């Protein structure tokens, strides 16, 4: 059980005021603290969060409708969007109440000091495997696009050379950024590039729906219930995964408050939900049961627009890479007891080389992604946020508040943990 000091801390966290005061500066001026007055706007944070979610995960949603049917996939999508948004909101609420700016600080406040490296280890390996997955996709897309756009070139034949060149020229400069707000322009570019590929797939299935028998495919697979629906839930949850950066998004938000953070979350998750659903149904209507995990692999390489789409998705994945890498770097420094930006350049180069080696060595990381999603991913998205909130509401109940005031929140936390 928590000692008196920790119980007092928990009661303060559940009060109407944050632990870290946002009052006026000592000189009596009305200026807000510098870290709040200078930060990321709501719009820029929405763009960054969307790029964090919409990228490689977008290509997996089509096969999810094969597993769950059209109606079943939509039902699972709504449920997944709800619990993923809830987990993201819970993290922001906890940050607003405790003043924490990282998962490590949240763990220390709620679970106690001494075991916070647990979350550092989980975050590090989760983001490491994400970076390895990005490198693998970049390699696939670069070789495929070069085979059509630069036929016969060394980039079309040597996957490892293509990945190494892209890492040196494009990925390394992005990884030398120190915060997420500095990535807002590349995030916007990545979203625009992704939109081009999406628009082509939408156009292709609509313009040639009779040839593809798209309506017949959707009608034939309108509804069925199978255990494969759990695969659909896992795929959707993975697509919404950006929770490892949630405390950072809150900390870097200009004039931060939970209300502004909630606006960011609801805007971004609503847009992502609509895009995932529309794209998933369009891709499934186009290929039916023949759809693959990466829907772009189903298209013929003879189509020039598909060659461009492969190139665009490679560029989009490059823009998504630093979102995971920045969190991996800070988690690594926390694990070894150093500050977030200690030995900045050597640490960046070392971790990038590890990601590069693993991405080149493992061309098929499906099993790693499944294990990562079923253990590390759900811990960050659902289990840890629910644990933190349950601990804080327990502190509130011990402070004398009626239990019915927190019953609904506790039920939501248990739903997240069961998910």
Foldseek 3Di string as FASTA:
>chain_A
DDDPVLLVLLQQLPDPAAPDDQDDDPVPDPDTPPLQQAFAELVLLLLLLLLLQPAQLLQQLQVLCLLFALVRLLVLLVVLLVLLLVLLLLVLSSCRSHVDLALLVLCCSQVNPDPSLVLLVLLQVLLLVVLLVLLLLLLVLQLLLCCQVVNPDPSVPDSLVVSVVCCVPQQLVLLLDQASSVLSVLSVVLVVLLVLLLVVLLCVCVVCVVVQVLVVLNVVRRGDDDPSNVVSSLSSNSSSPLLNCSSRSQSRYHNHDSVSSSVSSVVNSVVVSVSSSVSNSSLCSRQPNPADSRNLVVDDSVDNVSSSSSVSSSSSSSSNSSSSSLSNQQSVCVSVVHHSCPVNVVSSVVSSVVSSVSSVVDNDCPVVVVVSSVPSRLCSSAVSSLSSVVSSLVSNVVVPDDNVVCPVVNVSNVVSNVD
